[in-house]
Amino acid sequence: MKGDIVNSDGVHVAVVIDSAIFDLKGRKLYDLKGSRIYRLSGELVGHLDEAGGSLRRLDKSADSLF
């Protein structure tokens, strides 16, 4: 899976490649398992919307992750 993540305001904040989330500079920030976002240490920190496609939207509570 490859796609973009936008925050609740519609601003592009990250990229999903396979099961990882990278910032816009290419640094791996989080692991993605289904719609759940985990820190690299394994701690659950948020969720993405369930909608399919290449554009994933954060809910307002997860905006602070980026």
PDB file of N, CA and C in Angstrom:
ATOM      1  N   MET A   1       0.847  -1.178   0.000  1.00  0.00           N
ATOM      2  CA  MET A   1       0.000   0.000   0.000  1.00  0.00           C
ATOM      3  C   MET A   1       0.892   1.240   0.000  1.00  0.00           C
ATOM      4  N   LYS A   2       0.512   2.207  -0.772  1.00  0.00           N
ATOM      5  CA  LYS A   2       1.228   3.472  -0.809  1.00  0.00           C
ATOM      6  C   LYS A   2       0.190   4.575  -0.879  1.00  0.00           C
ATOM      7  N   GLY A   3       0.426   5.657  -0.135  1.00  0.00           N
ATOM      8  CA  GLY A   3      -0.520   6.759  -0.172  1.00  0.00           C
ATOM      9  C   GLY A   3      -0.071   7.927   0.673  1.00  0.00           C
ATOM     10  N   ASP A   4      -0.904   8.915   0.727  1.00  0.00           N
ATOM     11  CA  ASP A   4      -0.618  10.135   1.468  1.00  0.00           C
ATOM     12  C   ASP A   4      -1.537  10.241   2.678  1.00  0.00           C
ATOM     13  N   ILE A   5      -1.054  10.926   3.701  1.00  0.00           N
ATOM     14  CA  ILE A   5      -1.858  11.215   4.888  1.00  0.00           C
ATOM     15  C   ILE A   5      -2.020  12.719   4.986  1.00  0.00           C
ATOM     16  N   VAL A   6      -3.269  13.144   5.169  1.00  0.00           N
ATOM     17  CA  VAL A   6      -3.551  14.562   5.380  1.00  0.00           C
ATOM     18  C   VAL A   6      -4.164  14.719   6.770  1.00  0.00           C
ATOM     19  N   ASN A   7      -3.933  15.884   7.375  1.00  0.00           N
ATOM     20  CA  ASN A   7      -4.505  16.135   8.695  1.00  0.00           C
ATOM     21  C   ASN A   7      -5.961  16.562   8.568  1.00  0.00           C
ATOM     22  N   SER A   8      -6.591  16.905   9.673  1.00  0.00           N
ATOM     23  CA  SER A   8      -8.016  17.246   9.651  1.00  0.00           C
ATOM     24  C   SER A   8      -8.305  18.530   8.884  1.00  0.00           C
ATOM     25  N   ASP A   9      -7.267  19.343   8.628  1.00  0.00           N
ATOM     26  CA  ASP A   9      -7.430  20.558   7.836  1.00  0.00           C
ATOM     27  C   ASP A   9      -7.155  20.329   6.350  1.00  0.00           C
ATOM     28  N   GLY A  10      -6.774  19.110   5.977  1.00  0.00           N
ATOM     29  CA  GLY A  10      -6.499  18.787   4.582  1.00  0.00           C
ATOM     30  C   GLY A  10      -5.070  19.040   4.144  1.00  0.00           C
ATOM     31  N   VAL A  11      -4.154  19.294   5.084  1.00  0.00           N
ATOM     32  CA  VAL A  11      -2.748  19.552   4.773  1.00  0.00           C
ATOM     33  C   VAL A  11      -1.985  18.230   4.715  1.00  0.00           C
ATOM     34  N   HIS A  12      -1.222  18.026   3.648  1.00  0.00           N
ATOM     35  CA  HIS A  12      -0.412  16.816   3.474  1.00  0.00           C
ATOM     36  C   HIS A  12       0.677  16.785   4.546  1.00  0.00           C
ATOM     37  N   VAL A  13       0.697  15.712   5.380  1.00  0.00           N
ATOM     38  CA  VAL A  13       1.648  15.663   6.499  1.00  0.00           C
ATOM     39  C   VAL A  13       2.561  14.446   6.490  1.00  0.00           C
ATOM     40  N   ALA A  14       2.215  13.387   5.750  1.00  0.00           N
ATOM     41  CA  ALA A  14       3.020  12.175   5.784  1.00  0.00           C
ATOM     42  C   ALA A  14       2.708  11.292   4.579  1.00  0.00           C
ATOM     43  N   VAL A  15       3.529  10.235   4.443  1.00  0.00           N
ATOM     44  CA  VAL A  15       3.380   9.284   3.348  1.00  0.00           C
ATOM     45  C   VAL A  15       3.353   7.878   3.941  1.00  0.00           C
ATOM     46  N   VAL A  16       2.461   7.044   3.423  1.00  0.00           N
ATOM     47  CA  VAL A  16       2.398   5.636   3.820  1.00  0.00           C
ATOM     48  C   VAL A  16       3.045   4.811   2.720  1.00  0.00           C
ATOM     49  N   ILE A  17       3.995   3.968   3.106  1.00  0.00           N
ATOM     50  CA  ILE A  17       4.595   3.016   2.185  1.00  0.00           C
ATOM     51  C   ILE A  17       4.570   1.663   2.873  1.00  0.00           C
ATOM     52  N   ASP A  18       3.830   0.731   2.286  1.00  0.00           N
ATOM     53  CA  ASP A  18       3.596  -0.590   2.869  1.00  0.00           C
ATOM     54  C   ASP A  18       2.985  -0.433   4.259  1.00  0.00           C
ATOM     55  N   SER A  19       3.688  -0.847   5.294  1.00  0.00           N
ATOM     56  CA  SER A  19       3.127  -0.767   6.651  1.00  0.00           C
ATOM     57  C   SER A  19       3.885   0.249   7.507  1.00  0.00           C
ATOM     58  N   ALA A  20       4.455   1.266   6.885  1.00  0.00           N
ATOM     59  CA  ALA A  20       5.202   2.289   7.606  1.00  0.00           C
ATOM     60  C   ALA A  20       4.720   3.679   7.208  1.00  0.00           C
ATOM     61  N   ILE A  21       4.830   4.614   8.147  1.00  0.00           N
ATOM     62  CA  ILE A  21       4.478   6.014   7.895  1.00  0.00           C
ATOM     63  C   ILE A  21       5.757   6.836   7.971  1.00  0.00           C
ATOM     64  N   PHE A  22       5.999   7.621   6.929  1.00  0.00           N
ATOM     65  CA  PHE A  22       7.198   8.450   6.828  1.00  0.00           C
ATOM     66  C   PHE A  22       6.801   9.914   6.802  1.00  0.00           C
ATOM     67  N   ASP A  23       7.660  10.776   7.371  1.00  0.00           N
ATOM     68  CA  ASP A  23       7.399  12.211   7.260  1.00  0.00           C
ATOM     69  C   ASP A  23       7.744  12.652   5.841  1.00  0.00           C
ATOM     70  N   LEU A  24       7.555  13.908   5.548  1.00  0.00           N
ATOM     71  CA  LEU A  24       7.762  14.400   4.184  1.00  0.00           C
ATOM     72  C   LEU A  24       9.230  14.465   3.793  1.00  0.00           C
ATOM     73  N   LYS A  25      10.139  14.279   4.763  1.00  0.00           N
ATOM     74  CA  LYS A  25      11.577  14.231   4.471  1.00  0.00           C
ATOM     75  C   LYS A  25      12.078  12.805   4.311  1.00  0.00           C
ATOM     76  N   GLY A  26      11.183  11.811   4.481  1.00  0.00           N
ATOM     77  CA  GLY A  26      11.561  10.426   4.283  1.00  0.00           C
ATOM     78  C   GLY A  26      11.964   9.673   5.534  1.00  0.00           C
ATOM     79  N   ARG A  27      11.820  10.270   6.708  1.00  0.00           N
ATOM     80  CA  ARG A  27      12.165   9.587   7.961  1.00  0.00           C
ATOM     81  C   ARG A  27      10.989   8.742   8.439  1.00  0.00           C
ATOM     82  N   LYS A  28      11.279   7.496   8.815  1.00  0.00           N
ATOM     83  CA  LYS A  28      10.216   6.619   9.312  1.00  0.00           C
ATOM     84  C   LYS A  28       9.791   7.096  10.694  1.00  0.00           C
ATOM     85  N   LEU A  29       8.484   7.340  10.848  1.00  0.00           N
ATOM     86  CA  LEU A  29       7.943   7.832  12.106  1.00  0.00           C
ATOM     87  C   LEU A  29       7.159   6.780  12.869  1.00  0.00           C
ATOM     88  N   TYR A  30       6.320   6.040  12.153  1.00  0.00           N
ATOM     89  CA  TYR A  30       5.377   5.122  12.790  1.00  0.00           C
ATOM     90  C   TYR A  30       5.220   3.860  11.965  1.00  0.00           C
ATOM     91  N   ASP A  31       4.736   2.802  12.626  1.00  0.00           N
ATOM     92  CA  ASP A  31       4.302   1.586  11.950  1.00  0.00           C
ATOM     93  C   ASP A  31       2.788   1.659  11.809  1.00  0.00           C
ATOM     94  N   LEU A  32       2.273   1.069  10.762  1.00  0.00           N
ATOM     95  CA  LEU A  32       0.835   1.068  10.506  1.00  0.00           C
ATOM     96  C   LEU A  32       0.369  -0.378  10.403  1.00  0.00           C
ATOM     97  N   LYS A  33      -0.600  -0.730  11.242  1.00  0.00           N
ATOM     98  CA  LYS A  33      -1.185  -2.076  11.211  1.00  0.00           C
ATOM     99  C   LYS A  33      -2.678  -1.888  11.056  1.00  0.00           C
ATOM    100  N   GLY A  34      -3.182  -2.153   9.861  1.00  0.00           N
ATOM    101  CA  GLY A  34      -4.584  -1.863   9.560  1.00  0.00           C
ATOM    102  C   GLY A  34      -4.779  -0.368   9.570  1.00  0.00           C
ATOM    103  N   SER A  35      -5.662   0.117  10.420  1.00  0.00           N
ATOM    104  CA  SER A  35      -5.860   1.561  10.535  1.00  0.00           C
ATOM    105  C   SER A  35      -5.217   2.125  11.804  1.00  0.00           C
ATOM    106  N   ARG A  36      -4.497   1.282  12.539  1.00  0.00           N
ATOM    107  CA  ARG A  36      -3.882   1.707  13.795  1.00  0.00           C
ATOM    108  C   ARG A  36      -2.452   2.188  13.577  1.00  0.00           C
ATOM    109  N   ILE A  37      -2.102   3.304  14.229  1.00  0.00           N
ATOM    110  CA  ILE A  37      -0.768   3.894  14.134  1.00  0.00           C
ATOM    111  C   ILE A  37      -0.011   3.579  15.421  1.00  0.00           C
ATOM    112  N   TYR A  38       1.191   2.999  15.270  1.00  0.00           N
ATOM    113  CA  TYR A  38       2.026   2.630  16.412  1.00  0.00           C
ATOM    114  C   TYR A  38       3.368   3.351  16.334  1.00  0.00           C
ATOM    115  N   ARG A  39       3.870   3.780  17.504  1.00  0.00           N
ATOM    116  CA  ARG A  39       5.256   4.274  17.555  1.00  0.00           C
ATOM    117  C   ARG A  39       6.171   3.113  17.222  1.00  0.00           C
ATOM    118  N   LEU A  40       7.407   3.401  16.891  1.00  0.00           N
ATOM    119  CA  LEU A  40       8.360   2.349  16.565  1.00  0.00           C
ATOM    120  C   LEU A  40       8.620   1.450  17.761  1.00  0.00           C
ATOM    121  N   SER A  41       8.330   1.932  18.969  1.00  0.00           N
ATOM    122  CA  SER A  41       8.476   1.130  20.189  1.00  0.00           C
ATOM    123  C   SER A  41       7.315   0.163  20.391  1.00  0.00           C
ATOM    124  N   GLY A  42       6.253   0.286  19.590  1.00  0.00           N
ATOM    125  CA  GLY A  42       5.110  -0.598  19.688  1.00  0.00           C
ATOM    126  C   GLY A  42       3.896  -0.011  20.376  1.00  0.00           C
ATOM    127  N   GLU A  43       3.993   1.220  20.864  1.00  0.00           N
ATOM    128  CA  GLU A  43       2.881   1.867  21.571  1.00  0.00           C
ATOM    129  C   GLU A  43       1.835   2.388  20.584  1.00  0.00           C
ATOM    130  N   LEU A  44       0.577   2.048  20.810  1.00  0.00           N
ATOM    131  CA  LEU A  44      -0.521   2.552  19.985  1.00  0.00           C
ATOM    132  C   LEU A  44      -0.705   4.044  20.247  1.00  0.00           C
ATOM    133  N   VAL A  45      -0.713   4.848  19.172  1.00  0.00           N
ATOM    134  CA  VAL A  45      -0.830   6.298  19.356  1.00  0.00           C
ATOM    135  C   VAL A  45      -1.979   6.936  18.589  1.00  0.00           C
ATOM    136  N   GLY A  46      -2.622   6.224  17.661  1.00  0.00           N
ATOM    137  CA  GLY A  46      -3.708   6.840  16.913  1.00  0.00           C
ATOM    138  C   GLY A  46      -4.289   5.909  15.870  1.00  0.00           C
ATOM    139  N   HIS A  47      -5.236   6.466  15.117  1.00  0.00           N
ATOM    140  CA  HIS A  47      -5.924   5.726  14.070  1.00  0.00           C
ATOM    141  C   HIS A  47      -6.073   6.588  12.827  1.00  0.00           C
ATOM    142  N   LEU A  48      -6.120   5.923  11.675  1.00  0.00           N
ATOM    143  CA  LEU A  48      -6.464   6.576  10.418  1.00  0.00           C
ATOM    144  C   LEU A  48      -7.904   6.221  10.088  1.00  0.00           C
ATOM    145  N   ASP A  49      -8.501   6.982   9.198  1.00  0.00           N
ATOM    146  CA  ASP A  49      -9.854   6.643   8.768  1.00  0.00           C
ATOM    147  C   ASP A  49      -9.852   5.295   8.058  1.00  0.00           C
ATOM    148  N   GLU A  50     -10.992   4.680   7.962  1.00  0.00           N
ATOM    149  CA  GLU A  50     -11.128   3.360   7.357  1.00  0.00           C
ATOM    150  C   GLU A  50     -11.300   3.409   5.850  1.00  0.00           C
ATOM    151  N   ALA A  51     -11.403   4.596   5.275  1.00  0.00           N
ATOM    152  CA  ALA A  51     -11.646   4.714   3.829  1.00  0.00           C
ATOM    153  C   ALA A  51     -10.466   4.153   3.047  1.00  0.00           C
ATOM    154  N   GLY A  52     -10.781   3.484   1.977  1.00  0.00           N
ATOM    155  CA  GLY A  52      -9.739   2.941   1.118  1.00  0.00           C
ATOM    156  C   GLY A  52      -9.173   4.022   0.216  1.00  0.00           C
ATOM    157  N   GLY A  53      -8.280   3.647  -0.637  1.00  0.00           N
ATOM    158  CA  GLY A  53      -7.689   4.593  -1.571  1.00  0.00           C
ATOM    159  C   GLY A  53      -6.318   5.047  -1.115  1.00  0.00           C
ATOM    160  N   SER A  54      -5.732   5.932  -1.880  1.00  0.00           N
ATOM    161  CA  SER A  54      -4.364   6.362  -1.597  1.00  0.00           C
ATOM    162  C   SER A  54      -4.299   7.569  -0.663  1.00  0.00           C
ATOM    163  N   LEU A  55      -5.431   8.201  -0.376  1.00  0.00           N
ATOM    164  CA  LEU A  55      -5.441   9.359   0.526  1.00  0.00           C
ATOM    165  C   LEU A  55      -6.096   8.964   1.832  1.00  0.00           C
ATOM    166  N   ARG A  56      -5.345   9.066   2.920  1.00  0.00           N
ATOM    167  CA  ARG A  56      -5.863   8.718   4.242  1.00  0.00           C
ATOM    168  C   ARG A  56      -5.949   9.995   5.066  1.00  0.00           C
ATOM    169  N   ARG A  57      -7.005  10.150   5.837  1.00  0.00           N
ATOM    170  CA  ARG A  57      -7.221  11.366   6.617  1.00  0.00           C
ATOM    171  C   ARG A  57      -7.130  11.052   8.109  1.00  0.00           C
ATOM    172  N   LEU A  58      -6.402  11.914   8.831  1.00  0.00           N
ATOM    173  CA  LEU A  58      -6.336  11.819  10.284  1.00  0.00           C
ATOM    174  C   LEU A  58      -7.560  12.467  10.896  1.00  0.00           C
ATOM    175  N   ASP A  59      -8.015  11.940  12.025  1.00  0.00           N
ATOM    176  CA  ASP A  59      -9.040  12.695  12.739  1.00  0.00           C
ATOM    177  C   ASP A  59      -8.339  13.743  13.607  1.00  0.00           C
ATOM    178  N   LYS A  60      -9.083  14.700  14.096  1.00  0.00           N
ATOM    179  CA  LYS A  60      -8.507  15.835  14.810  1.00  0.00           C
ATOM    180  C   LYS A  60      -7.668  15.400  16.012  1.00  0.00           C
ATOM    181  N   SER A  61      -8.049  14.319  16.687  1.00  0.00           N
ATOM    182  CA  SER A  61      -7.306  13.871  17.855  1.00  0.00           C
ATOM    183  C   SER A  61      -5.923  13.340  17.510  1.00  0.00           C
ATOM    184  N   ALA A  62      -5.690  12.948  16.264  1.00  0.00           N
ATOM    185  CA  ALA A  62      -4.391  12.415  15.851  1.00  0.00           C
ATOM    186  C   ALA A  62      -3.522  13.473  15.148  1.00  0.00           C
ATOM    187  N   ASP A  63      -4.036  14.668  14.940  1.00  0.00           N
ATOM    188  CA  ASP A  63      -3.249  15.720  14.263  1.00  0.00           C
ATOM    189  C   ASP A  63      -1.928  15.990  14.969  1.00  0.00           C
ATOM    190  N   SER A  64      -1.893  15.882  16.276  1.00  0.00           N
ATOM    191  CA  SER A  64      -0.676  16.212  17.027  1.00  0.00           C
ATOM    192  C   SER A  64       0.467  15.238  16.765  1.00  0.00           C
ATOM    193  N   LEU A  65       0.197  14.106  16.133  1.00  0.00           N
ATOM    194  CA  LEU A  65       1.262  13.153  15.813  1.00  0.00           C
ATOM    195  C   LEU A  65       2.227  13.710  14.772  1.00  0.00           C
ATOM    196  N   PHE A  66       1.754  14.669  13.981  1.00  0.00           N
ATOM    197  CA  PHE A  66       2.577  15.221  12.915  1.00  0.00           C
ATOM    198  C   PHE A  66       2.728  16.688  13.106  1.00  0.00           C
TER     199      PHE A  66
END
